[in-house]
């Protein structure tokens, strides 16, 4: 997990992972999305691959990369352990009836509040 955390701490590496989450991309195509040099992107790709976050496939002289979701499994399990029911709580909160009135307190179209003693 330390290698995973070390790899994703750098913003360009996270951006690379987002690029290859749904499709395989060539190194040059990945590099075209960044303002850093191609050798810098190559170093980022190496770090991500060595951390197990990227799969690399060679096609002739091209290197193609795609995200390895398996590489995030340990980190995901760790986070799930810290925050076990986060999605269920979020869903429950979103589906719960709102306790906040839909009209603003100073809304002249709002019904008068007859239960307040002034």
PDB file of N, CA and C in Angstrom:
ATOM      1  N   UNK A   1       0.820  -1.188   0.000  1.00  0.00           N
ATOM      2  CA  UNK A   1       0.000   0.000   0.000  1.00  0.00           C
ATOM      3  C   UNK A   1       0.867   1.256   0.000  1.00  0.00           C
ATOM      4  N   UNK A   2       2.046   1.198   0.608  1.00  0.00           N
ATOM      5  CA  UNK A   2       2.923   2.366   0.634  1.00  0.00           C
ATOM      6  C   UNK A   2       3.331   2.794  -0.770  1.00  0.00           C
ATOM      7  N   UNK A   3       3.599   1.820  -1.638  1.00  0.00           N
ATOM      8  CA  UNK A   3       3.969   2.149  -3.020  1.00  0.00           C
ATOM      9  C   UNK A   3       2.803   2.817  -3.740  1.00  0.00           C
ATOM     10  N   UNK A   4       1.600   2.343  -3.478  1.00  0.00           N
ATOM     11  CA  UNK A   4       0.413   2.936  -4.095  1.00  0.00           C
ATOM     12  C   UNK A   4       0.243   4.375  -3.644  1.00  0.00           C
ATOM     13  N   UNK A   5       0.319   4.593  -2.331  1.00  0.00           N
ATOM     14  CA  UNK A   5       0.179   5.948  -1.808  1.00  0.00           C
ATOM     15  C   UNK A   5       1.281   6.856  -2.334  1.00  0.00           C
ATOM     16  N   UNK A   6       2.505   6.354  -2.369  1.00  0.00           N
ATOM     17  CA  UNK A   6       3.618   7.144  -2.890  1.00  0.00           C
ATOM     18  C   UNK A   6       3.427   7.504  -4.351  1.00  0.00           C
ATOM     19  N   UNK A   7       2.823   6.590  -5.102  1.00  0.00           N
ATOM     20  CA  UNK A   7       2.610   6.836  -6.529  1.00  0.00           C
ATOM     21  C   UNK A   7       1.512   7.858  -6.765  1.00  0.00           C
ATOM     22  N   UNK A   8       0.437   7.789  -6.011  1.00  0.00           N
ATOM     23  CA  UNK A   8      -0.703   8.664  -6.305  1.00  0.00           C
ATOM     24  C   UNK A   8      -0.638  10.012  -5.595  1.00  0.00           C
ATOM     25  N   UNK A   9       0.401  10.219  -4.805  1.00  0.00           N
ATOM     26  CA  UNK A   9       0.520  11.505  -4.115  1.00  0.00           C
ATOM     27  C   UNK A   9       0.824  12.641  -5.107  1.00  0.00           C
ATOM     28  N   UNK A  10       1.416  12.319  -6.229  1.00  0.00           N
ATOM     29  CA  UNK A  10       1.814  13.328  -7.212  1.00  0.00           C
ATOM     30  C   UNK A  10       0.641  13.613  -8.154  1.00  0.00           C
ATOM     31  N   UNK A  11       0.243  14.886  -8.300  1.00  0.00           N
ATOM     32  CA  UNK A  11      -0.941  15.234  -9.104  1.00  0.00           C
ATOM     33  C   UNK A  11      -0.902  14.763 -10.556  1.00  0.00           C
ATOM     34  N   UNK A  12       0.244  14.835 -11.214  1.00  0.00           N
ATOM     35  CA  UNK A  12       0.316  14.381 -12.609  1.00  0.00           C
ATOM     36  C   UNK A  12       0.045  12.886 -12.713  1.00  0.00           C
ATOM     37  N   UNK A  13       0.482  12.127 -11.717  1.00  0.00           N
ATOM     38  CA  UNK A  13       0.242  10.679 -11.744  1.00  0.00           C
ATOM     39  C   UNK A  13      -1.239  10.368 -11.565  1.00  0.00           C
ATOM     40  N   UNK A  14      -1.895  11.119 -10.702  1.00  0.00           N
ATOM     41  CA  UNK A  14      -3.342  10.921 -10.548  1.00  0.00           C
ATOM     42  C   UNK A  14      -4.057  11.263 -11.853  1.00  0.00           C
ATOM     43  N   UNK A  15      -3.599  12.314 -12.515  1.00  0.00           N
ATOM     44  CA  UNK A  15      -4.197  12.709 -13.793  1.00  0.00           C
ATOM     45  C   UNK A  15      -3.971  11.618 -14.850  1.00  0.00           C
ATOM     46  N   UNK A  16      -2.815  11.000 -14.837  1.00  0.00           N
ATOM     47  CA  UNK A  16      -2.534   9.899 -15.771  1.00  0.00           C
ATOM     48  C   UNK A  16      -3.509   8.749 -15.518  1.00  0.00           C
ATOM     49  N   UNK A  17      -3.717   8.413 -14.257  1.00  0.00           N
ATOM     50  CA  UNK A  17      -4.652   7.331 -13.935  1.00  0.00           C
ATOM     51  C   UNK A  17      -6.058   7.652 -14.432  1.00  0.00           C
ATOM     52  N   UNK A  18      -6.452   8.909 -14.314  1.00  0.00           N
ATOM     53  CA  UNK A  18      -7.776   9.306 -14.806  1.00  0.00           C
ATOM     54  C   UNK A  18      -7.874   9.181 -16.323  1.00  0.00           C
ATOM     55  N   UNK A  19      -6.774   9.435 -17.005  1.00  0.00           N
ATOM     56  CA  UNK A  19      -6.779   9.320 -18.469  1.00  0.00           C
ATOM     57  C   UNK A  19      -6.960   7.880 -18.928  1.00  0.00           C
ATOM     58  N   UNK A  20      -6.371   6.946 -18.210  1.00  0.00           N
ATOM     59  CA  UNK A  20      -6.364   5.553 -18.672  1.00  0.00           C
ATOM     60  C   UNK A  20      -7.363   4.678 -17.923  1.00  0.00           C
ATOM     61  N   UNK A  21      -8.273   5.293 -17.190  1.00  0.00           N
ATOM     62  CA  UNK A  21      -9.246   4.504 -16.434  1.00  0.00           C
ATOM     63  C   UNK A  21     -10.204   3.751 -17.346  1.00  0.00           C
ATOM     64  N   UNK A  22     -10.574   4.327 -18.471  1.00  0.00           N
ATOM     65  CA  UNK A  22     -11.560   3.700 -19.357  1.00  0.00           C
ATOM     66  C   UNK A  22     -11.014   3.224 -20.685  1.00  0.00           C
ATOM     67  N   UNK A  23      -9.787   3.615 -20.999  1.00  0.00           N
ATOM     68  CA  UNK A  23      -9.225   3.214 -22.291  1.00  0.00           C
ATOM     69  C   UNK A  23      -7.710   3.087 -22.212  1.00  0.00           C
ATOM     70  N   UNK A  24      -7.196   2.232 -23.041  1.00  0.00           N
ATOM     71  CA  UNK A  24      -5.754   2.057 -23.160  1.00  0.00           C
ATOM     72  C   UNK A  24      -5.206   3.207 -23.998  1.00  0.00           C
ATOM     73  N   UNK A  25      -4.081   3.762 -23.558  1.00  0.00           N
ATOM     74  CA  UNK A  25      -3.506   4.893 -24.291  1.00  0.00           C
ATOM     75  C   UNK A  25      -2.006   4.685 -24.459  1.00  0.00           C
ATOM     76  N   UNK A  26      -1.492   5.191 -25.578  1.00  0.00           N
ATOM     77  CA  UNK A  26      -0.061   5.156 -25.840  1.00  0.00           C
ATOM     78  C   UNK A  26       0.634   6.216 -24.996  1.00  0.00           C
ATOM     79  N   UNK A  27       1.891   5.965 -24.682  1.00  0.00           N
ATOM     80  CA  UNK A  27       2.662   6.895 -23.855  1.00  0.00           C
ATOM     81  C   UNK A  27       2.679   8.292 -24.465  1.00  0.00           C
ATOM     82  N   UNK A  28       2.859   8.393 -25.772  1.00  0.00           N
ATOM     83  CA  UNK A  28       2.886   9.692 -26.432  1.00  0.00           C
ATOM     84  C   UNK A  28       1.555  10.413 -26.335  1.00  0.00           C
ATOM     85  N   UNK A  29       0.481   9.671 -26.429  1.00  0.00           N
ATOM     86  CA  UNK A  29      -0.850  10.254 -26.307  1.00  0.00           C
ATOM     87  C   UNK A  29      -1.080  10.767 -24.882  1.00  0.00           C
ATOM     88  N   UNK A  30      -0.616  10.004 -23.907  1.00  0.00           N
ATOM     89  CA  UNK A  30      -0.717  10.446 -22.514  1.00  0.00           C
ATOM     90  C   UNK A  30       0.089  11.725 -22.335  1.00  0.00           C
ATOM     91  N   UNK A  31       1.314  11.732 -22.845  1.00  0.00           N
ATOM     92  CA  UNK A  31       2.199  12.894 -22.703  1.00  0.00           C
ATOM     93  C   UNK A  31       1.604  14.147 -23.332  1.00  0.00           C
ATOM     94  N   UNK A  32       0.809  13.989 -24.384  1.00  0.00           N
ATOM     95  CA  UNK A  32       0.235  15.156 -25.064  1.00  0.00           C
ATOM     96  C   UNK A  32      -0.760  15.924 -24.184  1.00  0.00           C
ATOM     97  N   UNK A  33      -1.197  15.340 -23.101  1.00  0.00           N
ATOM     98  CA  UNK A  33      -2.136  15.994 -22.193  1.00  0.00           C
ATOM     99  C   UNK A  33      -1.452  16.838 -21.116  1.00  0.00           C
ATOM    100  N   UNK A  34      -0.124  16.840 -21.115  1.00  0.00           N
ATOM    101  CA  UNK A  34       0.618  17.505 -20.045  1.00  0.00           C
ATOM    102  C   UNK A  34       1.610  18.512 -20.601  1.00  0.00           C
ATOM    103  N   UNK A  35       1.952  19.478 -19.782  1.00  0.00           N
ATOM    104  CA  UNK A  35       2.927  20.492 -20.201  1.00  0.00           C
ATOM    105  C   UNK A  35       4.347  20.126 -19.775  1.00  0.00           C
ATOM    106  N   UNK A  36       4.529  18.968 -19.163  1.00  0.00           N
ATOM    107  CA  UNK A  36       5.871  18.521 -18.777  1.00  0.00           C
ATOM    108  C   UNK A  36       6.485  17.725 -19.926  1.00  0.00           C
ATOM    109  N   UNK A  37       7.755  17.452 -19.842  1.00  0.00           N
ATOM    110  CA  UNK A  37       8.464  16.762 -20.924  1.00  0.00           C
ATOM    111  C   UNK A  37       8.038  15.298 -21.026  1.00  0.00           C
ATOM    112  N   UNK A  38       8.267  14.721 -22.177  1.00  0.00           N
ATOM    113  CA  UNK A  38       7.978  13.290 -22.358  1.00  0.00           C
ATOM    114  C   UNK A  38       8.806  12.423 -21.416  1.00  0.00           C
ATOM    115  N   UNK A  39      10.097  12.735 -21.212  1.00  0.00           N
ATOM    116  CA  UNK A  39      10.850  11.925 -20.234  1.00  0.00           C
ATOM    117  C   UNK A  39      10.237  11.989 -18.829  1.00  0.00           C
ATOM    118  N   UNK A  40       9.691  13.138 -18.449  1.00  0.00           N
ATOM    119  CA  UNK A  40       9.042  13.249 -17.138  1.00  0.00           C
ATOM    120  C   UNK A  40       7.809  12.354 -17.084  1.00  0.00           C
ATOM    121  N   UNK A  41       7.014  12.338 -18.156  1.00  0.00           N
ATOM    122  CA  UNK A  41       5.839  11.468 -18.206  1.00  0.00           C
ATOM    123  C   UNK A  41       6.275  10.015 -18.184  1.00  0.00           C
ATOM    124  N   UNK A  42       7.342   9.699 -18.871  1.00  0.00           N
ATOM    125  CA  UNK A  42       7.865   8.338 -18.868  1.00  0.00           C
ATOM    126  C   UNK A  42       8.235   7.895 -17.449  1.00  0.00           C
ATOM    127  N   UNK A  43       8.827   8.797 -16.675  1.00  0.00           N
ATOM    128  CA  UNK A  43       9.162   8.478 -15.285  1.00  0.00           C
ATOM    129  C   UNK A  43       7.900   8.247 -14.463  1.00  0.00           C
ATOM    130  N   UNK A  44       6.899   9.093 -14.673  1.00  0.00           N
ATOM    131  CA  UNK A  44       5.634   8.909 -13.961  1.00  0.00           C
ATOM    132  C   UNK A  44       5.007   7.557 -14.314  1.00  0.00           C
ATOM    133  N   UNK A  45       5.021   7.206 -15.601  1.00  0.00           N
ATOM    134  CA  UNK A  45       4.463   5.929 -16.030  1.00  0.00           C
ATOM    135  C   UNK A  45       5.199   4.763 -15.390  1.00  0.00           C
ATOM    136  N   UNK A  46       6.514   4.872 -15.289  1.00  0.00           N
ATOM    137  CA  UNK A  46       7.315   3.813 -14.661  1.00  0.00           C
ATOM    138  C   UNK A  46       6.942   3.651 -13.199  1.00  0.00           C
ATOM    139  N   UNK A  47       6.815   4.743 -12.492  1.00  0.00           N
ATOM    140  CA  UNK A  47       6.457   4.693 -11.066  1.00  0.00           C
ATOM    141  C   UNK A  47       5.076   4.066 -10.894  1.00  0.00           C
ATOM    142  N   UNK A  48       4.122   4.470 -11.716  1.00  0.00           N
ATOM    143  CA  UNK A  48       2.769   3.916 -11.630  1.00  0.00           C
ATOM    144  C   UNK A  48       2.761   2.425 -11.972  1.00  0.00           C
ATOM    145  N   UNK A  49       3.539   2.050 -12.964  1.00  0.00           N
ATOM    146  CA  UNK A  49       3.607   0.630 -13.357  1.00  0.00           C
ATOM    147  C   UNK A  49       4.251  -0.196 -12.255  1.00  0.00           C
ATOM    148  N   UNK A  50       5.347   0.303 -11.691  1.00  0.00           N
ATOM    149  CA  UNK A  50       6.041  -0.428 -10.625  1.00  0.00           C
ATOM    150  C   UNK A  50       5.196  -0.529  -9.356  1.00  0.00           C
ATOM    151  N   UNK A  51       4.303   0.422  -9.154  1.00  0.00           N
ATOM    152  CA  UNK A  51       3.399   0.374  -8.001  1.00  0.00           C
ATOM    153  C   UNK A  51       2.220  -0.564  -8.260  1.00  0.00           C
ATOM    154  N   UNK A  52       2.133  -1.099  -9.471  1.00  0.00           N
ATOM    155  CA  UNK A  52       1.057  -2.021  -9.812  1.00  0.00           C
ATOM    156  C   UNK A  52      -0.232  -1.349 -10.227  1.00  0.00           C
ATOM    157  N   UNK A  53      -0.158  -0.051 -10.532  1.00  0.00           N
ATOM    158  CA  UNK A  53      -1.361   0.698 -10.889  1.00  0.00           C
ATOM    159  C   UNK A  53      -1.615   0.751 -12.389  1.00  0.00           C
ATOM    160  N   UNK A  54      -0.604   0.486 -13.185  1.00  0.00           N
ATOM    161  CA  UNK A  54      -0.741   0.496 -14.638  1.00  0.00           C
ATOM    162  C   UNK A  54      -0.304  -0.833 -15.221  1.00  0.00           C
ATOM    163  N   UNK A  55      -1.024  -1.266 -16.241  1.00  0.00           N
ATOM    164  CA  UNK A  55      -0.591  -2.397 -17.054  1.00  0.00           C
ATOM    165  C   UNK A  55       0.032  -1.818 -18.310  1.00  0.00           C
ATOM    166  N   UNK A  56       1.122  -2.409 -18.738  1.00  0.00           N
ATOM    167  CA  UNK A  56       1.820  -1.941 -19.942  1.00  0.00           C
ATOM    168  C   UNK A  56       1.799  -3.064 -20.980  1.00  0.00           C
ATOM    169  N   UNK A  57       1.463  -2.689 -22.212  1.00  0.00           N
ATOM    170  CA  UNK A  57       1.459  -3.636 -23.313  1.00  0.00           C
ATOM    171  C   UNK A  57       2.226  -3.018 -24.469  1.00  0.00           C
ATOM    172  N   UNK A  58       3.074  -3.813 -25.081  1.00  0.00           N
ATOM    173  CA  UNK A  58       3.824  -3.311 -26.224  1.00  0.00           C
ATOM    174  C   UNK A  58       3.158  -3.748 -27.518  1.00  0.00           C
ATOM    175  N   UNK A  59       3.089  -2.799 -28.425  1.00  0.00           N
ATOM    176  CA  UNK A  59       2.541  -3.046 -29.758  1.00  0.00           C
ATOM    177  C   UNK A  59       3.532  -2.431 -30.733  1.00  0.00           C
ATOM    178  N   UNK A  60       4.426  -3.256 -31.268  1.00  0.00           N
ATOM    179  CA  UNK A  60       5.516  -2.734 -32.094  1.00  0.00           C
ATOM    180  C   UNK A  60       6.425  -1.884 -31.227  1.00  0.00           C
ATOM    181  N   UNK A  61       6.622  -0.628 -31.625  1.00  0.00           N
ATOM    182  CA  UNK A  61       7.473   0.273 -30.852  1.00  0.00           C
ATOM    183  C   UNK A  61       6.684   1.085 -29.824  1.00  0.00           C
ATOM    184  N   UNK A  62       5.376   0.943 -29.845  1.00  0.00           N
ATOM    185  CA  UNK A  62       4.523   1.713 -28.925  1.00  0.00           C
ATOM    186  C   UNK A  62       4.328   0.959 -27.615  1.00  0.00           C
ATOM    187  N   UNK A  63       4.191   1.738 -26.556  1.00  0.00           N
ATOM    188  CA  UNK A  63       3.826   1.189 -25.251  1.00  0.00           C
ATOM    189  C   UNK A  63       2.453   1.723 -24.899  1.00  0.00           C
ATOM    190  N   UNK A  64       1.551   0.814 -24.607  1.00  0.00           N
ATOM    191  CA  UNK A  64       0.177   1.168 -24.299  1.00  0.00           C
ATOM    192  C   UNK A  64      -0.082   0.901 -22.815  1.00  0.00           C
ATOM    193  N   UNK A  65      -0.795   1.824 -22.203  1.00  0.00           N
ATOM    194  CA  UNK A  65      -1.036   1.740 -20.762  1.00  0.00           C
ATOM    195  C   UNK A  65      -2.527   1.766 -20.469  1.00  0.00           C
ATOM    196  N   UNK A  66      -2.894   1.049 -19.415  1.00  0.00           N
ATOM    197  CA  UNK A  66      -4.266   1.089 -18.910  1.00  0.00           C
ATOM    198  C   UNK A  66      -4.217   0.905 -17.403  1.00  0.00           C
ATOM    199  N   UNK A  67      -5.251   1.380 -16.732  1.00  0.00           N
ATOM    200  CA  UNK A  67      -5.342   1.282 -15.281  1.00  0.00           C
ATOM    201  C   UNK A  67      -5.535  -0.170 -14.858  1.00  0.00           C
ATOM    202  N   UNK A  68      -4.837  -0.555 -13.804  1.00  0.00           N
ATOM    203  CA  UNK A  68      -5.041  -1.859 -13.160  1.00  0.00           C
ATOM    204  C   UNK A  68      -5.812  -1.610 -11.859  1.00  0.00           C
ATOM    205  N   UNK A  69      -7.107  -1.817 -11.883  1.00  0.00           N
ATOM    206  CA  UNK A  69      -7.911  -1.605 -10.682  1.00  0.00           C
ATOM    207  C   UNK A  69      -7.453  -2.487  -9.530  1.00  0.00           C
ATOM    208  N   UNK A  70      -6.896  -3.651  -9.865  1.00  0.00           N
ATOM    209  CA  UNK A  70      -6.396  -4.555  -8.832  1.00  0.00           C
ATOM    210  C   UNK A  70      -5.308  -3.889  -7.990  1.00  0.00           C
ATOM    211  N   UNK A  71      -4.592  -2.955  -8.612  1.00  0.00           N
ATOM    212  CA  UNK A  71      -3.525  -2.251  -7.903  1.00  0.00           C
ATOM    213  C   UNK A  71      -4.045  -1.340  -6.805  1.00  0.00           C
ATOM    214  N   UNK A  72      -5.315  -0.999  -6.865  1.00  0.00           N
ATOM    215  CA  UNK A  72      -5.929  -0.140  -5.851  1.00  0.00           C
ATOM    216  C   UNK A  72      -6.678  -0.931  -4.786  1.00  0.00           C
ATOM    217  N   UNK A  73      -6.723  -2.244  -4.908  1.00  0.00           N
ATOM    218  CA  UNK A  73      -7.528  -3.077  -4.012  1.00  0.00           C
ATOM    219  C   UNK A  73      -7.117  -2.929  -2.552  1.00  0.00           C
ATOM    220  N   UNK A  74      -5.837  -2.971  -2.273  1.00  0.00           N
ATOM    221  CA  UNK A  74      -5.383  -2.879  -0.881  1.00  0.00           C
ATOM    222  C   UNK A  74      -5.726  -1.521  -0.275  1.00  0.00           C
ATOM    223  N   UNK A  75      -5.517  -0.453  -1.046  1.00  0.00           N
ATOM    224  CA  UNK A  75      -5.849   0.886  -0.565  1.00  0.00           C
ATOM    225  C   UNK A  75      -7.359   1.021  -0.361  1.00  0.00           C
ATOM    226  N   UNK A  76      -8.111   0.500  -1.289  1.00  0.00           N
ATOM    227  CA  UNK A  76      -9.572   0.570  -1.170  1.00  0.00           C
ATOM    228  C   UNK A  76     -10.047  -0.181   0.073  1.00  0.00           C
ATOM    229  N   UNK A  77      -9.485  -1.357   0.333  1.00  0.00           N
ATOM    230  CA  UNK A  77      -9.863  -2.132   1.516  1.00  0.00           C
ATOM    231  C   UNK A  77      -9.515  -1.375   2.792  1.00  0.00           C
ATOM    232  N   UNK A  78      -8.352  -0.732   2.795  1.00  0.00           N
ATOM    233  CA  UNK A  78      -7.939   0.053   3.963  1.00  0.00           C
ATOM    234  C   UNK A  78      -8.913   1.198   4.216  1.00  0.00           C
ATOM    235  N   UNK A  79      -9.273   1.933   3.171  1.00  0.00           N
ATOM    236  CA  UNK A  79     -10.205   3.045   3.310  1.00  0.00           C
ATOM    237  C   UNK A  79     -11.597   2.565   3.717  1.00  0.00           C
ATOM    238  N   UNK A  80     -12.016   1.433   3.185  1.00  0.00           N
ATOM    239  CA  UNK A  80     -13.319   0.880   3.552  1.00  0.00           C
ATOM    240  C   UNK A  80     -13.345   0.494   5.028  1.00  0.00           C
ATOM    241  N   UNK A  81     -12.220   0.037   5.532  1.00  0.00           N
ATOM    242  CA  UNK A  81     -12.122  -0.320   6.950  1.00  0.00           C
ATOM    243  C   UNK A  81     -12.246   0.921   7.833  1.00  0.00           C
ATOM    244  N   UNK A  82     -11.692   2.037   7.380  1.00  0.00           N
ATOM    245  CA  UNK A  82     -11.777   3.277   8.144  1.00  0.00           C
ATOM    246  C   UNK A  82     -13.162   3.905   8.058  1.00  0.00           C
ATOM    247  N   UNK A  83     -13.834   3.685   6.951  1.00  0.00           N
ATOM    248  CA  UNK A  83     -15.096   4.362   6.660  1.00  0.00           C
ATOM    249  C   UNK A  83     -16.092   3.324   6.141  1.00  0.00           C
ATOM    250  N   UNK A  84     -16.461   2.361   6.976  1.00  0.00           N
ATOM    251  CA  UNK A  84     -17.164   1.175   6.491  1.00  0.00           C
ATOM    252  C   UNK A  84     -18.538   1.411   5.888  1.00  0.00           C
ATOM    253  N   UNK A  85     -19.303   2.309   6.412  1.00  0.00           N
ATOM    254  CA  UNK A  85     -20.664   2.452   5.917  1.00  0.00           C
ATOM    255  C   UNK A  85     -20.919   3.826   5.314  1.00  0.00           C
ATOM    256  N   UNK A  86     -19.893   4.420   4.762  1.00  0.00           N
ATOM    257  CA  UNK A  86     -20.009   5.782   4.245  1.00  0.00           C
ATOM    258  C   UNK A  86     -21.062   5.897   3.152  1.00  0.00           C
ATOM    259  N   UNK A  87     -21.069   4.992   2.201  1.00  0.00           N
ATOM    260  CA  UNK A  87     -22.026   5.092   1.103  1.00  0.00           C
ATOM    261  C   UNK A  87     -23.456   4.875   1.592  1.00  0.00           C
ATOM    262  N   UNK A  88     -23.636   3.955   2.525  1.00  0.00           N
ATOM    263  CA  UNK A  88     -24.980   3.726   3.044  1.00  0.00           C
ATOM    264  C   UNK A  88     -25.473   4.956   3.813  1.00  0.00           C
ATOM    265  N   UNK A  89     -24.594   5.589   4.596  1.00  0.00           N
ATOM    266  CA  UNK A  89     -24.985   6.783   5.340  1.00  0.00           C
ATOM    267  C   UNK A  89     -25.291   7.942   4.394  1.00  0.00           C
ATOM    268  N   UNK A  90     -24.494   8.083   3.347  1.00  0.00           N
ATOM    269  CA  UNK A  90     -24.725   9.136   2.362  1.00  0.00           C
ATOM    270  C   UNK A  90     -26.080   8.920   1.678  1.00  0.00           C
ATOM    271  N   UNK A  91     -26.359   7.679   1.293  1.00  0.00           N
ATOM    272  CA  UNK A  91     -27.628   7.350   0.636  1.00  0.00           C
ATOM    273  C   UNK A  91     -28.793   7.647   1.571  1.00  0.00           C
ATOM    274  N   UNK A  92     -28.680   7.234   2.829  1.00  0.00           N
ATOM    275  CA  UNK A  92     -29.753   7.473   3.797  1.00  0.00           C
ATOM    276  C   UNK A  92     -29.991   8.969   3.993  1.00  0.00           C
ATOM    277  N   UNK A  93     -28.916   9.736   4.065  1.00  0.00           N
ATOM    278  CA  UNK A  93     -29.046  11.186   4.246  1.00  0.00           C
ATOM    279  C   UNK A  93     -29.702  11.819   3.022  1.00  0.00           C
ATOM    280  N   UNK A  94     -29.339  11.352   1.851  1.00  0.00           N
ATOM    281  CA  UNK A  94     -29.908  11.925   0.623  1.00  0.00           C
ATOM    282  C   UNK A  94     -31.384  11.589   0.477  1.00  0.00           C
ATOM    283  N   UNK A  95     -31.788  10.420   0.962  1.00  0.00           N
ATOM    284  CA  UNK A  95     -33.173   9.993   0.822  1.00  0.00           C
ATOM    285  C   UNK A  95     -34.059  10.437   1.984  1.00  0.00           C
ATOM    286  N   UNK A  96     -33.467  10.920   3.065  1.00  0.00           N
ATOM    287  CA  UNK A  96     -34.245  11.334   4.237  1.00  0.00           C
ATOM    288  C   UNK A  96     -35.037  12.591   3.929  1.00  0.00           C
ATOM    289  N   UNK A  97     -36.218  12.713   4.530  1.00  0.00           N
ATOM    290  CA  UNK A  97     -36.985  13.948   4.323  1.00  0.00           C
ATOM    291  C   UNK A  97     -36.208  15.141   4.858  1.00  0.00           C
ATOM    292  N   UNK A  98     -36.305  16.208   4.155  1.00  0.00           N
ATOM    293  CA  UNK A  98     -35.564  17.412   4.532  1.00  0.00           C
ATOM    294  C   UNK A  98     -36.183  18.040   5.770  1.00  0.00           C
ATOM    295  N   UNK A  99     -35.326  18.460   6.694  1.00  0.00           N
ATOM    296  CA  UNK A  99     -35.795  19.158   7.886  1.00  0.00           C
ATOM    297  C   UNK A  99     -35.736  20.671   7.695  1.00  0.00           C
ATOM    298  N   UNK A 100     -35.207  21.102   6.580  1.00  0.00           N
ATOM    299  CA  UNK A 100     -35.076  22.522   6.284  1.00  0.00           C
ATOM    300  C   UNK A 100     -36.284  22.942   5.468  1.00  0.00           C
ATOM    301  N   UNK A 101     -36.977  24.024   5.862  1.00  0.00           N
ATOM    302  CA  UNK A 101     -38.132  24.462   5.065  1.00  0.00           C
ATOM    303  C   UNK A 101     -37.703  24.870   3.666  1.00  0.00           C
ATOM    304  N   UNK A 102     -38.568  24.617   2.707  1.00  0.00           N
ATOM    305  CA  UNK A 102     -38.249  24.958   1.327  1.00  0.00           C
ATOM    306  C   UNK A 102     -38.297  26.454   1.076  1.00  0.00           C
ATOM    307  N   UNK A 103     -39.026  27.205   1.888  1.00  0.00           N
ATOM    308  CA  UNK A 103     -39.091  28.652   1.701  1.00  0.00           C
ATOM    309  C   UNK A 103     -38.178  29.331   2.707  1.00  0.00           C
ATOM    310  N   UNK A 104     -37.616  30.427   2.309  1.00  0.00           N
ATOM    311  CA  UNK A 104     -36.716  31.175   3.186  1.00  0.00           C
ATOM    312  C   UNK A 104     -37.525  31.876   4.262  1.00  0.00           C
ATOM    313  N   UNK A 105     -36.925  32.145   5.448  1.00  0.00           N
ATOM    314  CA  UNK A 105     -37.662  32.774   6.540  1.00  0.00           C
ATOM    315  C   UNK A 105     -38.255  34.126   6.169  1.00  0.00           C
ATOM    316  N   UNK A 106     -37.639  34.893   5.328  1.00  0.00           N
ATOM    317  CA  UNK A 106     -38.120  36.221   4.962  1.00  0.00           C
ATOM    318  C   UNK A 106     -38.914  36.211   3.665  1.00  0.00           C
ATOM    319  N   UNK A 107     -39.328  35.038   3.242  1.00  0.00           N
ATOM    320  CA  UNK A 107     -40.083  34.890   1.998  1.00  0.00           C
ATOM    321  C   UNK A 107     -41.520  35.359   2.234  1.00  0.00           C
ATOM    322  N   UNK A 108     -41.974  36.428   1.563  1.00  0.00           N
ATOM    323  CA  UNK A 108     -43.330  36.937   1.782  1.00  0.00           C
ATOM    324  C   UNK A 108     -44.408  35.957   1.336  1.00  0.00           C
ATOM    325  N   UNK A 109     -44.053  34.986   0.504  1.00  0.00           N
ATOM    326  CA  UNK A 109     -45.047  34.011   0.041  1.00  0.00           C
ATOM    327  C   UNK A 109     -45.149  32.826   0.989  1.00  0.00           C
ATOM    328  N   UNK A 110     -44.270  32.775   1.996  1.00  0.00           N
ATOM    329  CA  UNK A 110     -44.295  31.662   2.930  1.00  0.00           C
ATOM    330  C   UNK A 110     -45.475  31.766   3.870  1.00  0.00           C
ATOM    331  N   UNK A 111     -45.982  30.634   4.318  1.00  0.00           N
ATOM    332  CA  UNK A 111     -47.093  30.627   5.269  1.00  0.00           C
ATOM    333  C   UNK A 111     -46.644  31.243   6.575  1.00  0.00           C
ATOM    334  N   UNK A 112     -47.544  31.974   7.256  1.00  0.00           N
ATOM    335  CA  UNK A 112     -47.161  32.595   8.522  1.00  0.00           C
ATOM    336  C   UNK A 112     -46.875  31.537   9.580  1.00  0.00           C
ATOM    337  N   UNK A 113     -45.916  31.835  10.450  1.00  0.00           N
ATOM    338  CA  UNK A 113     -45.552  30.940  11.535  1.00  0.00           C
ATOM    339  C   UNK A 113     -46.419  31.260  12.732  1.00  0.00           C
ATOM    340  N   UNK A 114     -47.467  30.489  12.951  1.00  0.00           N
ATOM    341  CA  UNK A 114     -48.430  30.783  14.019  1.00  0.00           C
ATOM    342  C   UNK A 114     -48.040  30.156  15.353  1.00  0.00           C
ATOM    343  N   UNK A 115     -47.023  29.328  15.359  1.00  0.00           N
ATOM    344  CA  UNK A 115     -46.665  28.633  16.592  1.00  0.00           C
ATOM    345  C   UNK A 115     -45.620  29.346  17.416  1.00  0.00           C
ATOM    346  N   UNK A 116     -45.142  30.489  16.999  1.00  0.00           N
ATOM    347  CA  UNK A 116     -44.066  31.196  17.701  1.00  0.00           C
ATOM    348  C   UNK A 116     -44.665  32.339  18.506  1.00  0.00           C
ATOM    349  N   UNK A 117     -44.352  32.396  19.783  1.00  0.00           N
ATOM    350  CA  UNK A 117     -44.796  33.489  20.626  1.00  0.00           C
ATOM    351  C   UNK A 117     -43.763  34.593  20.524  1.00  0.00           C
ATOM    352  N   UNK A 118     -44.219  35.813  20.250  1.00  0.00           N
ATOM    353  CA  UNK A 118     -43.281  36.931  20.093  1.00  0.00           C
ATOM    354  C   UNK A 118     -43.453  37.934  21.184  1.00  0.00           C
TER     355      UNK A 118
END
